[in-house]
Each structure stands twice: as structure tokens, then as C-alpha cells.
Amino acid sequence: MTIKEAQEQVDAWIKSVGVRYFSELTNMAILTEEVGEVARIIARRYGDQSFKPGEEQSDLSDELCDVFWVLLCLANQTGVDLTAAFEKNIEKKTNRDKTRHINNPKLTKHG
């Protein structure tokens, strides 16, 4: 599935099942909430915190998809073509960072 297809599929779902998009401000709050849920899992699975009883089965892939879903909603309702934006963003990063990371001694250290 392409990013464009994902945007179209979310739009079709919203219009058929979801009734309408939440406001941009509401979706921004929901996005923040979903990112927090991803952070909670990462902090416990890869960081120093431990899961509370019953949290061990938290599904990182599902939470990442929740973030992606709301991001697609925000793009749709604000008229952002994420495919074009992504291509432009990669070009920007490539031009800006073409020597930055390869010359970063923090990234070339091992162990």
C-alpha cells in the first residue's frame, strides 16, 4: 500500500464509518495521546521502567498504527499530500545531512 492509498483508505473509512473527521485541534490532541502510548511501551520495553501487571502484552505495532492513522487524518483534513511531502523531506534531509552523520564521531563509535 502506498502512502496515497493509505490516505485514501482512511478518508473513505472516516466518511463511511466515522461520520466525519474530528476537528484538527481534537486530532492534534489525539495524536499527542497516541504518541504518549508509544512512549509508554518504549520506556518499558527498551528503557528502565517496568510494566505494571497486565501491561506486558502492550502492542507496539498497534500503537504505532494509531499514530499513523491520526497523522493520515490530519494530512487529509489539512490538504497535505504526504507522498509529495515525504519526497521533499527526504531531499531536504539528504542535502542538509550528506556529510553531517558520516562525520559524527558519536555515530562511528562502537561498543
PDB file of N, CA and C in Angstrom:
ATOM      1  N   MET A   1       0.847  -1.175   0.000  1.00  0.00           N
ATOM      2  CA  MET A   1       0.000   0.000   0.000  1.00  0.00           C
ATOM      3  C   MET A   1       0.897   1.245   0.000  1.00  0.00           C
ATOM      4  N   THR A   2       0.567   2.186  -0.848  1.00  0.00           N
ATOM      5  CA  THR A   2       1.309   3.441  -0.885  1.00  0.00           C
ATOM      6  C   THR A   2       0.772   4.397   0.185  1.00  0.00           C
ATOM      7  N   ILE A   3       1.505   5.451   0.438  1.00  0.00           N
ATOM      8  CA  ILE A   3       1.029   6.472   1.378  1.00  0.00           C
ATOM      9  C   ILE A   3      -0.260   7.092   0.847  1.00  0.00           C
ATOM     10  N   LYS A   4      -0.300   7.354  -0.451  1.00  0.00           N
ATOM     11  CA  LYS A   4      -1.511   7.924  -1.069  1.00  0.00           C
ATOM     12  C   LYS A   4      -2.709   7.000  -0.858  1.00  0.00           C
ATOM     13  N   GLU A   5      -2.493   5.712  -1.063  1.00  0.00           N
ATOM     14  CA  GLU A   5      -3.577   4.757  -0.857  1.00  0.00           C
ATOM     15  C   GLU A   5      -4.020   4.724   0.604  1.00  0.00           C
ATOM     16  N   ALA A   6      -3.066   4.843   1.511  1.00  0.00           N
ATOM     17  CA  ALA A   6      -3.411   4.874   2.936  1.00  0.00           C
ATOM     18  C   ALA A   6      -4.246   6.113   3.252  1.00  0.00           C
ATOM     19  N   GLN A   7      -3.856   7.263   2.699  1.00  0.00           N
ATOM     20  CA  GLN A   7      -4.635   8.475   2.907  1.00  0.00           C
ATOM     21  C   GLN A   7      -6.053   8.303   2.363  1.00  0.00           C
ATOM     22  N   GLU A   8      -6.166   7.704   1.193  1.00  0.00           N
ATOM     23  CA  GLU A   8      -7.480   7.491   0.575  1.00  0.00           C
ATOM     24  C   GLU A   8      -8.323   6.510   1.385  1.00  0.00           C
ATOM     25  N   GLN A   9      -7.692   5.451   1.900  1.00  0.00           N
ATOM     26  CA  GLN A   9      -8.428   4.448   2.668  1.00  0.00           C
ATOM     27  C   GLN A   9      -8.940   5.045   3.977  1.00  0.00           C
ATOM     28  N   VAL A  10      -8.118   5.838   4.641  1.00  0.00           N
ATOM     29  CA  VAL A  10      -8.553   6.498   5.872  1.00  0.00           C
ATOM     30  C   VAL A  10      -9.706   7.449   5.569  1.00  0.00           C
ATOM     31  N   ASP A  11      -9.592   8.204   4.487  1.00  0.00           N
ATOM     32  CA  ASP A  11     -10.646   9.152   4.119  1.00  0.00           C
ATOM     33  C   ASP A  11     -11.967   8.418   3.865  1.00  0.00           C
ATOM     34  N   ALA A  12     -11.899   7.310   3.142  1.00  0.00           N
ATOM     35  CA  ALA A  12     -13.107   6.527   2.857  1.00  0.00           C
ATOM     36  C   ALA A  12     -13.705   5.971   4.144  1.00  0.00           C
ATOM     37  N   TRP A  13     -12.870   5.500   5.052  1.00  0.00           N
ATOM     38  CA  TRP A  13     -13.362   4.964   6.322  1.00  0.00           C
ATOM     39  C   TRP A  13     -14.026   6.056   7.152  1.00  0.00           C
ATOM     40  N   ILE A  14     -13.370   7.198   7.232  1.00  0.00           N
ATOM     41  CA  ILE A  14     -13.930   8.310   8.010  1.00  0.00           C
ATOM     42  C   ILE A  14     -15.306   8.677   7.468  1.00  0.00           C
ATOM     43  N   LYS A  15     -15.420   8.765   6.164  1.00  0.00           N
ATOM     44  CA  LYS A  15     -16.679   9.197   5.550  1.00  0.00           C
ATOM     45  C   LYS A  15     -17.776   8.135   5.623  1.00  0.00           C
ATOM     46  N   SER A  16     -17.413   6.855   5.739  1.00  0.00           N
ATOM     47  CA  SER A  16     -18.434   5.814   5.772  1.00  0.00           C
ATOM     48  C   SER A  16     -18.725   5.308   7.186  1.00  0.00           C
ATOM     49  N   VAL A  17     -17.709   5.175   8.005  1.00  0.00           N
ATOM     50  CA  VAL A  17     -17.870   4.617   9.344  1.00  0.00           C
ATOM     51  C   VAL A  17     -17.745   5.697  10.426  1.00  0.00           C
ATOM     52  N   GLY A  18     -16.826   6.582  10.230  1.00  0.00           N
ATOM     53  CA  GLY A  18     -16.530   7.584  11.256  1.00  0.00           C
ATOM     54  C   GLY A  18     -17.416   8.817  11.222  1.00  0.00           C
ATOM     55  N   VAL A  19     -18.300   8.910  10.275  1.00  0.00           N
ATOM     56  CA  VAL A  19     -19.241  10.015  10.079  1.00  0.00           C
ATOM     57  C   VAL A  19     -18.541  11.262   9.531  1.00  0.00           C
ATOM     58  N   ARG A  20     -17.546  11.766  10.248  1.00  0.00           N
ATOM     59  CA  ARG A  20     -16.778  12.924   9.784  1.00  0.00           C
ATOM     60  C   ARG A  20     -15.467  12.961  10.555  1.00  0.00           C
ATOM     61  N   TYR A  21     -14.544  13.787  10.080  1.00  0.00           N
ATOM     62  CA  TYR A  21     -13.289  13.977  10.799  1.00  0.00           C
ATOM     63  C   TYR A  21     -13.550  14.738  12.088  1.00  0.00           C
ATOM     64  N   PHE A  22     -12.803  14.401  13.135  1.00  0.00           N
ATOM     65  CA  PHE A  22     -12.771  15.271  14.305  1.00  0.00           C
ATOM     66  C   PHE A  22     -12.094  16.564  13.867  1.00  0.00           C
ATOM     67  N   SER A  23     -12.232  17.607  14.634  1.00  0.00           N
ATOM     68  CA  SER A  23     -11.559  18.860  14.293  1.00  0.00           C
ATOM     69  C   SER A  23     -10.043  18.652  14.307  1.00  0.00           C
ATOM     70  N   GLU A  24      -9.349  19.535  13.627  1.00  0.00           N
ATOM     71  CA  GLU A  24      -7.886  19.461  13.580  1.00  0.00           C
ATOM     72  C   GLU A  24      -7.296  19.532  14.992  1.00  0.00           C
ATOM     73  N   LEU A  25      -7.862  20.399  15.814  1.00  0.00           N
ATOM     74  CA  LEU A  25      -7.355  20.550  17.180  1.00  0.00           C
ATOM     75  C   LEU A  25      -7.579  19.266  17.987  1.00  0.00           C
ATOM     76  N   THR A  26      -8.752  18.662  17.839  1.00  0.00           N
ATOM     77  CA  THR A  26      -9.022  17.391  18.523  1.00  0.00           C
ATOM     78  C   THR A  26      -8.067  16.315  18.029  1.00  0.00           C
ATOM     79  N   ASN A  27      -7.862  16.240  16.718  1.00  0.00           N
ATOM     80  CA  ASN A  27      -6.938  15.233  16.191  1.00  0.00           C
ATOM     81  C   ASN A  27      -5.504  15.477  16.656  1.00  0.00           C
ATOM     82  N   MET A  28      -5.114  16.731  16.825  1.00  0.00           N
ATOM     83  CA  MET A  28      -3.784  17.011  17.350  1.00  0.00           C
ATOM     84  C   MET A  28      -3.659  16.497  18.778  1.00  0.00           C
ATOM     85  N   ALA A  29      -4.700  16.684  19.572  1.00  0.00           N
ATOM     86  CA  ALA A  29      -4.688  16.169  20.945  1.00  0.00           C
ATOM     87  C   ALA A  29      -4.649  14.638  20.948  1.00  0.00           C
ATOM     88  N   ILE A  30      -5.419  14.021  20.049  1.00  0.00           N
ATOM     89  CA  ILE A  30      -5.426  12.562  19.953  1.00  0.00           C
ATOM     90  C   ILE A  30      -4.053  12.054  19.510  1.00  0.00           C
ATOM     91  N   LEU A  31      -3.433  12.746  18.557  1.00  0.00           N
ATOM     92  CA  LEU A  31      -2.089  12.353  18.108  1.00  0.00           C
ATOM     93  C   LEU A  31      -1.107  12.382  19.274  1.00  0.00           C
ATOM     94  N   THR A  32      -1.186  13.428  20.071  1.00  0.00           N
ATOM     95  CA  THR A  32      -0.304  13.548  21.235  1.00  0.00           C
ATOM     96  C   THR A  32      -0.540  12.398  22.207  1.00  0.00           C
ATOM     97  N   GLU A  33      -1.798  12.059  22.417  1.00  0.00           N
ATOM     98  CA  GLU A  33      -2.148  10.940  23.294  1.00  0.00           C
ATOM     99  C   GLU A  33      -1.577   9.631  22.757  1.00  0.00           C
ATOM    100  N   GLU A  34      -1.728   9.408  21.467  1.00  0.00           N
ATOM    101  CA  GLU A  34      -1.236   8.165  20.863  1.00  0.00           C
ATOM    102  C   GLU A  34       0.292   8.081  20.913  1.00  0.00           C
ATOM    103  N   VAL A  35       0.969   9.185  20.681  1.00  0.00           N
ATOM    104  CA  VAL A  35       2.435   9.200  20.781  1.00  0.00           C
ATOM    105  C   VAL A  35       2.850   8.878  22.219  1.00  0.00           C
ATOM    106  N   GLY A  36       2.082   9.374  23.186  1.00  0.00           N
ATOM    107  CA  GLY A  36       2.353   9.048  24.585  1.00  0.00           C
ATOM    108  C   GLY A  36       2.230   7.557  24.859  1.00  0.00           C
ATOM    109  N   GLU A  37       1.272   6.909  24.225  1.00  0.00           N
ATOM    110  CA  GLU A  37       1.111   5.465  24.401  1.00  0.00           C
ATOM    111  C   GLU A  37       2.288   4.706  23.799  1.00  0.00           C
ATOM    112  N   VAL A  38       2.800   5.180  22.672  1.00  0.00           N
ATOM    113  CA  VAL A  38       4.008   4.584  22.089  1.00  0.00           C
ATOM    114  C   VAL A  38       5.183   4.788  23.044  1.00  0.00           C
ATOM    115  N   ALA A  39       5.312   5.987  23.574  1.00  0.00           N
ATOM    116  CA  ALA A  39       6.411   6.288  24.501  1.00  0.00           C
ATOM    117  C   ALA A  39       6.348   5.398  25.739  1.00  0.00           C
ATOM    118  N   ARG A  40       5.155   5.161  26.232  1.00  0.00           N
ATOM    119  CA  ARG A  40       4.981   4.316  27.419  1.00  0.00           C
ATOM    120  C   ARG A  40       5.508   2.901  27.157  1.00  0.00           C
ATOM    121  N   ILE A  41       5.160   2.345  26.008  1.00  0.00           N
ATOM    122  CA  ILE A  41       5.633   0.996  25.676  1.00  0.00           C
ATOM    123  C   ILE A  41       7.150   0.981  25.497  1.00  0.00           C
ATOM    124  N   ILE A  42       7.682   1.946  24.765  1.00  0.00           N
ATOM    125  CA  ILE A  42       9.129   2.008  24.519  1.00  0.00           C
ATOM    126  C   ILE A  42       9.891   2.142  25.836  1.00  0.00           C
ATOM    127  N   ALA A  43       9.391   3.013  26.736  1.00  0.00           N
ATOM    128  CA  ALA A  43      10.060   3.223  28.026  1.00  0.00           C
ATOM    129  C   ALA A  43      10.108   1.946  28.852  1.00  0.00           C
ATOM    130  N   ARG A  44       9.087   1.119  28.709  1.00  0.00           N
ATOM    131  CA  ARG A  44       9.029  -0.105  29.490  1.00  0.00           C
ATOM    132  C   ARG A  44       9.734  -1.279  28.803  1.00  0.00           C
ATOM    133  N   ARG A  45       9.612  -1.354  27.490  1.00  0.00           N
ATOM    134  CA  ARG A  45      10.218  -2.465  26.773  1.00  0.00           C
ATOM    135  C   ARG A  45      11.718  -2.275  26.559  1.00  0.00           C
ATOM    136  N   TYR A  46      12.136  -1.029  26.286  1.00  0.00           N
ATOM    137  CA  TYR A  46      13.540  -0.776  25.954  1.00  0.00           C
ATOM    138  C   TYR A  46      14.242   0.127  26.960  1.00  0.00           C
ATOM    139  N   GLY A  47      13.476   0.724  27.848  1.00  0.00           N
ATOM    140  CA  GLY A  47      14.042   1.632  28.836  1.00  0.00           C
ATOM    141  C   GLY A  47      14.111   0.998  30.207  1.00  0.00           C
ATOM    142  N   ASP A  48      14.163   1.845  31.199  1.00  0.00           N
ATOM    143  CA  ASP A  48      14.385   1.390  32.565  1.00  0.00           C
ATOM    144  C   ASP A  48      13.109   1.152  33.364  1.00  0.00           C
ATOM    145  N   GLN A  49      11.963   1.539  32.846  1.00  0.00           N
ATOM    146  CA  GLN A  49      10.719   1.312  33.573  1.00  0.00           C
ATOM    147  C   GLN A  49      10.231  -0.114  33.350  1.00  0.00           C
ATOM    148  N   SER A  50       9.409  -0.578  34.268  1.00  0.00           N
ATOM    149  CA  SER A  50       8.825  -1.918  34.128  1.00  0.00           C
ATOM    150  C   SER A  50       7.330  -1.784  33.880  1.00  0.00           C
ATOM    151  N   PHE A  51       6.776  -2.810  33.251  1.00  0.00           N
ATOM    152  CA  PHE A  51       5.344  -2.847  33.001  1.00  0.00           C
ATOM    153  C   PHE A  51       4.603  -3.096  34.309  1.00  0.00           C
ATOM    154  N   LYS A  52       3.432  -2.511  34.419  1.00  0.00           N
ATOM    155  CA  LYS A  52       2.529  -2.844  35.519  1.00  0.00           C
ATOM    156  C   LYS A  52       1.872  -4.178  35.160  1.00  0.00           C
ATOM    157  N   PRO A  53       1.361  -4.883  36.154  1.00  0.00           N
ATOM    158  CA  PRO A  53       0.674  -6.151  35.849  1.00  0.00           C
ATOM    159  C   PRO A  53      -0.430  -5.939  34.808  1.00  0.00           C
ATOM    160  N   GLY A  54      -0.435  -6.782  33.792  1.00  0.00           N
ATOM    161  CA  GLY A  54      -1.435  -6.693  32.744  1.00  0.00           C
ATOM    162  C   GLY A  54      -1.016  -5.849  31.554  1.00  0.00           C
ATOM    163  N   GLU A  55       0.065  -5.084  31.692  1.00  0.00           N
ATOM    164  CA  GLU A  55       0.539  -4.228  30.589  1.00  0.00           C
ATOM    165  C   GLU A  55       1.550  -4.921  29.686  1.00  0.00           C
ATOM    166  N   GLU A  56       2.032  -6.064  30.112  1.00  0.00           N
ATOM    167  CA  GLU A  56       3.128  -6.723  29.393  1.00  0.00           C
ATOM    168  C   GLU A  56       2.804  -7.019  27.939  1.00  0.00           C
ATOM    169  N   GLN A  57       1.535  -7.198  27.635  1.00  0.00           N
ATOM    170  CA  GLN A  57       1.134  -7.545  26.275  1.00  0.00           C
ATOM    171  C   GLN A  57       0.822  -6.321  25.415  1.00  0.00           C
ATOM    172  N   SER A  58       1.233  -5.139  25.866  1.00  0.00           N
ATOM    173  CA  SER A  58       1.001  -3.922  25.080  1.00  0.00           C
ATOM    174  C   SER A  58       1.551  -4.116  23.676  1.00  0.00           C
ATOM    175  N   ASP A  59       0.778  -3.706  22.691  1.00  0.00           N
ATOM    176  CA  ASP A  59       1.100  -3.961  21.291  1.00  0.00           C
ATOM    177  C   ASP A  59       1.688  -2.710  20.636  1.00  0.00           C
ATOM    178  N   LEU A  60       3.010  -2.678  20.526  1.00  0.00           N
ATOM    179  CA  LEU A  60       3.689  -1.521  19.941  1.00  0.00           C
ATOM    180  C   LEU A  60       3.242  -1.280  18.509  1.00  0.00           C
ATOM    181  N   SER A  61       3.092  -2.341  17.724  1.00  0.00           N
ATOM    182  CA  SER A  61       2.703  -2.168  16.324  1.00  0.00           C
ATOM    183  C   SER A  61       1.325  -1.519  16.214  1.00  0.00           C
ATOM    184  N   ASP A  62       0.399  -1.907  17.079  1.00  0.00           N
ATOM    185  CA  ASP A  62      -0.939  -1.316  17.064  1.00  0.00           C
ATOM    186  C   ASP A  62      -0.887   0.160  17.455  1.00  0.00           C
ATOM    187  N   GLU A  63      -0.082   0.480  18.450  1.00  0.00           N
ATOM    188  CA  GLU A  63       0.018   1.880  18.889  1.00  0.00           C
ATOM    189  C   GLU A  63       0.693   2.744  17.815  1.00  0.00           C
ATOM    190  N   LEU A  64       1.694   2.194  17.140  1.00  0.00           N
ATOM    191  CA  LEU A  64       2.321   2.937  16.042  1.00  0.00           C
ATOM    192  C   LEU A  64       1.316   3.181  14.923  1.00  0.00           C
ATOM    193  N   CYS A  65       0.467   2.197  14.660  1.00  0.00           N
ATOM    194  CA  CYS A  65      -0.572   2.381  13.636  1.00  0.00           C
ATOM    195  C   CYS A  65      -1.601   3.415  14.059  1.00  0.00           C
ATOM    196  N   ASP A  66      -1.903   3.499  15.357  1.00  0.00           N
ATOM    197  CA  ASP A  66      -2.798   4.554  15.830  1.00  0.00           C
ATOM    198  C   ASP A  66      -2.204   5.931  15.550  1.00  0.00           C
ATOM    199  N   VAL A  67      -0.897   6.075  15.769  1.00  0.00           N
ATOM    200  CA  VAL A  67      -0.218   7.343  15.467  1.00  0.00           C
ATOM    201  C   VAL A  67      -0.319   7.634  13.971  1.00  0.00           C
ATOM    202  N   PHE A  68      -0.034   6.626  13.157  1.00  0.00           N
ATOM    203  CA  PHE A  68      -0.076   6.780  11.702  1.00  0.00           C
ATOM    204  C   PHE A  68      -1.473   7.162  11.231  1.00  0.00           C
ATOM    205  N   TRP A  69      -2.487   6.518  11.801  1.00  0.00           N
ATOM    206  CA  TRP A  69      -3.885   6.786  11.447  1.00  0.00           C
ATOM    207  C   TRP A  69      -4.225   8.261  11.671  1.00  0.00           C
ATOM    208  N   VAL A  70      -3.921   8.757  12.862  1.00  0.00           N
ATOM    209  CA  VAL A  70      -4.273  10.146  13.176  1.00  0.00           C
ATOM    210  C   VAL A  70      -3.439  11.106  12.326  1.00  0.00           C
ATOM    211  N   LEU A  71      -2.204  10.749  12.049  1.00  0.00           N
ATOM    212  CA  LEU A  71      -1.370  11.564  11.173  1.00  0.00           C
ATOM    213  C   LEU A  71      -1.987  11.642   9.777  1.00  0.00           C
ATOM    214  N   LEU A  72      -2.478  10.510   9.281  1.00  0.00           N
ATOM    215  CA  LEU A  72      -3.150  10.493   7.981  1.00  0.00           C
ATOM    216  C   LEU A  72      -4.415  11.356   8.018  1.00  0.00           C
ATOM    217  N   CYS A  73      -5.160  11.284   9.095  1.00  0.00           N
ATOM    218  CA  CYS A  73      -6.352  12.133   9.239  1.00  0.00           C
ATOM    219  C   CYS A  73      -5.979  13.605   9.163  1.00  0.00           C
ATOM    220  N   LEU A  74      -4.966  14.005   9.912  1.00  0.00           N
ATOM    221  CA  LEU A  74      -4.545  15.405   9.910  1.00  0.00           C
ATOM    222  C   LEU A  74      -4.079  15.845   8.528  1.00  0.00           C
ATOM    223  N   ALA A  75      -3.353  14.981   7.848  1.00  0.00           N
ATOM    224  CA  ALA A  75      -2.907  15.313   6.489  1.00  0.00           C
ATOM    225  C   ALA A  75      -4.108  15.482   5.571  1.00  0.00           C
ATOM    226  N   ASN A  76      -5.044  14.571   5.644  1.00  0.00           N
ATOM    227  CA  ASN A  76      -6.232  14.651   4.788  1.00  0.00           C
ATOM    228  C   ASN A  76      -7.005  15.931   5.031  1.00  0.00           C
ATOM    229  N   GLN A  77      -7.247  16.245   6.267  1.00  0.00           N
ATOM    230  CA  GLN A  77      -8.119  17.383   6.545  1.00  0.00           C
ATOM    231  C   GLN A  77      -7.422  18.728   6.392  1.00  0.00           C
ATOM    232  N   THR A  78      -6.109  18.721   6.267  1.00  0.00           N
ATOM    233  CA  THR A  78      -5.383  19.981   6.034  1.00  0.00           C
ATOM    234  C   THR A  78      -4.848  20.074   4.610  1.00  0.00           C
ATOM    235  N   GLY A  79      -5.189  19.085   3.767  1.00  0.00           N
ATOM    236  CA  GLY A  79      -4.809  19.134   2.363  1.00  0.00           C
ATOM    237  C   GLY A  79      -3.354  18.816   2.078  1.00  0.00           C
ATOM    238  N   VAL A  80      -2.711  18.043   2.963  1.00  0.00           N
ATOM    239  CA  VAL A  80      -1.304  17.682   2.765  1.00  0.00           C
ATOM    240  C   VAL A  80      -1.210  16.358   2.015  1.00  0.00           C
ATOM    241  N   ASP A  81      -0.508  16.374   0.901  1.00  0.00           N
ATOM    242  CA  ASP A  81      -0.183  15.155   0.150  1.00  0.00           C
ATOM    243  C   ASP A  81       1.084  14.591   0.791  1.00  0.00           C
ATOM    244  N   LEU A  82       0.927  13.573   1.617  1.00  0.00           N
ATOM    245  CA  LEU A  82       2.079  13.050   2.359  1.00  0.00           C
ATOM    246  C   LEU A  82       3.134  12.417   1.464  1.00  0.00           C
ATOM    247  N   THR A  83       2.752  11.900   0.311  1.00  0.00           N
ATOM    248  CA  THR A  83       3.745  11.340  -0.605  1.00  0.00           C
ATOM    249  C   THR A  83       4.680  12.444  -1.082  1.00  0.00           C
ATOM    250  N   ALA A  84       4.112  13.529  -1.578  1.00  0.00           N
ATOM    251  CA  ALA A  84       4.920  14.656  -2.055  1.00  0.00           C
ATOM    252  C   ALA A  84       5.722  15.270  -0.909  1.00  0.00           C
ATOM    253  N   ALA A  85       5.091  15.403   0.250  1.00  0.00           N
ATOM    254  CA  ALA A  85       5.774  15.990   1.406  1.00  0.00           C
ATOM    255  C   ALA A  85       6.939  15.115   1.851  1.00  0.00           C
ATOM    256  N   PHE A  86       6.735  13.795   1.832  1.00  0.00           N
ATOM    257  CA  PHE A  86       7.787  12.859   2.234  1.00  0.00           C
ATOM    258  C   PHE A  86       8.975  12.925   1.277  1.00  0.00           C
ATOM    259  N   GLU A  87       8.685  12.938  -0.021  1.00  0.00           N
ATOM    260  CA  GLU A  87       9.757  13.033  -1.018  1.00  0.00           C
ATOM    261  C   GLU A  87      10.552  14.325  -0.841  1.00  0.00           C
ATOM    262  N   LYS A  88       9.864  15.426  -0.628  1.00  0.00           N
ATOM    263  CA  LYS A  88      10.517  16.724  -0.417  1.00  0.00           C
ATOM    264  C   LYS A  88      11.341  16.700   0.879  1.00  0.00           C
ATOM    265  N   ASN A  89      10.816  16.053   1.913  1.00  0.00           N
ATOM    266  CA  ASN A  89      11.505  15.989   3.198  1.00  0.00           C
ATOM    267  C   ASN A  89      12.777  15.157   3.109  1.00  0.00           C
ATOM    268  N   ILE A  90      12.720  14.037   2.382  1.00  0.00           N
ATOM    269  CA  ILE A  90      13.927  13.220   2.197  1.00  0.00           C
ATOM    270  C   ILE A  90      14.993  14.014   1.450  1.00  0.00           C
ATOM    271  N   GLU A  91      14.579  14.733   0.416  1.00  0.00           N
ATOM    272  CA  GLU A  91      15.532  15.548  -0.345  1.00  0.00           C
ATOM    273  C   GLU A  91      16.169  16.598   0.562  1.00  0.00           C
ATOM    274  N   LYS A  92      15.363  17.248   1.388  1.00  0.00           N
ATOM    275  CA  LYS A  92      15.876  18.260   2.315  1.00  0.00           C
ATOM    276  C   LYS A  92      16.907  17.649   3.257  1.00  0.00           C
ATOM    277  N   LYS A  93      16.570  16.505   3.864  1.00  0.00           N
ATOM    278  CA  LYS A  93      17.474  15.857   4.811  1.00  0.00           C
ATOM    279  C   LYS A  93      18.756  15.383   4.124  1.00  0.00           C
ATOM    280  N   THR A  94      18.614  14.855   2.915  1.00  0.00           N
ATOM    281  CA  THR A  94      19.787  14.374   2.182  1.00  0.00           C
ATOM    282  C   THR A  94      20.739  15.522   1.883  1.00  0.00           C
ATOM    283  N   ASN A  95      20.212  16.622   1.405  1.00  0.00           N
ATOM    284  CA  ASN A  95      21.058  17.779   1.105  1.00  0.00           C
ATOM    285  C   ASN A  95      21.679  18.370   2.363  1.00  0.00           C
ATOM    286  N   ARG A  96      20.914  18.462   3.418  1.00  0.00           N
ATOM    287  CA  ARG A  96      21.387  19.070   4.657  1.00  0.00           C
ATOM    288  C   ARG A  96      22.388  18.184   5.382  1.00  0.00           C
ATOM    289  N   ASP A  97      22.175  16.878   5.350  1.00  0.00           N
ATOM    290  CA  ASP A  97      22.941  15.975   6.199  1.00  0.00           C
ATOM    291  C   ASP A  97      23.905  15.063   5.453  1.00  0.00           C
ATOM    292  N   LYS A  98      24.201  15.394   4.169  1.00  0.00           N
ATOM    293  CA  LYS A  98      25.008  14.461   3.373  1.00  0.00           C
ATOM    294  C   LYS A  98      26.366  14.141   3.992  1.00  0.00           C
ATOM    295  N   THR A  99      26.939  15.047   4.762  1.00  0.00           N
ATOM    296  CA  THR A  99      28.207  14.747   5.432  1.00  0.00           C
ATOM    297  C   THR A  99      28.093  14.822   6.951  1.00  0.00           C
ATOM    298  N   ARG A 100      27.015  15.333   7.439  1.00  0.00           N
ATOM    299  CA  ARG A 100      26.853  15.541   8.882  1.00  0.00           C
ATOM    300  C   ARG A 100      26.951  14.240   9.676  1.00  0.00           C
ATOM    301  N   HIS A 101      26.201  13.234   9.318  1.00  0.00           N
ATOM    302  CA  HIS A 101      26.168  12.000  10.105  1.00  0.00           C
ATOM    303  C   HIS A 101      27.402  11.133   9.893  1.00  0.00           C
ATOM    304  N   ILE A 102      27.884  11.102   8.665  1.00  0.00           N
ATOM    305  CA  ILE A 102      29.062  10.272   8.398  1.00  0.00           C
ATOM    306  C   ILE A 102      30.306  10.824   9.108  1.00  0.00           C
ATOM    307  N   ASN A 103      30.298  12.134   9.393  1.00  0.00           N
ATOM    308  CA  ASN A 103      31.425  12.759  10.091  1.00  0.00           C
ATOM    309  C   ASN A 103      31.186  12.905  11.587  1.00  0.00           C
ATOM    310  N   ASN A 104      30.129  12.312  12.096  1.00  0.00           N
ATOM    311  CA  ASN A 104      29.809  12.407  13.513  1.00  0.00           C
ATOM    312  C   ASN A 104      30.513  11.279  14.264  1.00  0.00           C
ATOM    313  N   PRO A 105      31.507  11.605  15.082  1.00  0.00           N
ATOM    314  CA  PRO A 105      32.239  10.546  15.786  1.00  0.00           C
ATOM    315  C   PRO A 105      31.356   9.773  16.765  1.00  0.00           C
ATOM    316  N   LYS A 106      30.287  10.357  17.226  1.00  0.00           N
ATOM    317  CA  LYS A 106      29.378   9.649  18.136  1.00  0.00           C
ATOM    318  C   LYS A 106      28.695   8.486  17.429  1.00  0.00           C
ATOM    319  N   LEU A 107      28.517   8.604  16.112  1.00  0.00           N
ATOM    320  CA  LEU A 107      27.850   7.540  15.353  1.00  0.00           C
ATOM    321  C   LEU A 107      28.817   6.467  14.870  1.00  0.00           C
ATOM    322  N   THR A 108      30.095   6.774  14.829  1.00  0.00           N
ATOM    323  CA  THR A 108      31.060   5.801  14.327  1.00  0.00           C
ATOM    324  C   THR A 108      31.707   5.001  15.457  1.00  0.00           C
ATOM    325  N   LYS A 109      31.459   5.385  16.713  1.00  0.00           N
ATOM    326  CA  LYS A 109      31.979   4.621  17.847  1.00  0.00           C
ATOM    327  C   LYS A 109      31.191   3.333  17.992  1.00  0.00           C
ATOM    328  N   HIS A 110      31.863   2.286  18.346  1.00  0.00           N
ATOM    329  CA  HIS A 110      31.186   1.003  18.593  1.00  0.00           C
ATOM    330  C   HIS A 110      31.453   0.580  20.023  1.00  0.00           C
ATOM    331  N   GLY A 111      30.408   0.110  20.673  1.00  0.00           N
ATOM    332  CA  GLY A 111      30.560  -0.527  21.963  1.00  0.00           C
ATOM    333  C   GLY A 111      30.498   0.330  23.129  1.00  0.00           C
TER     334      GLY A 111
END
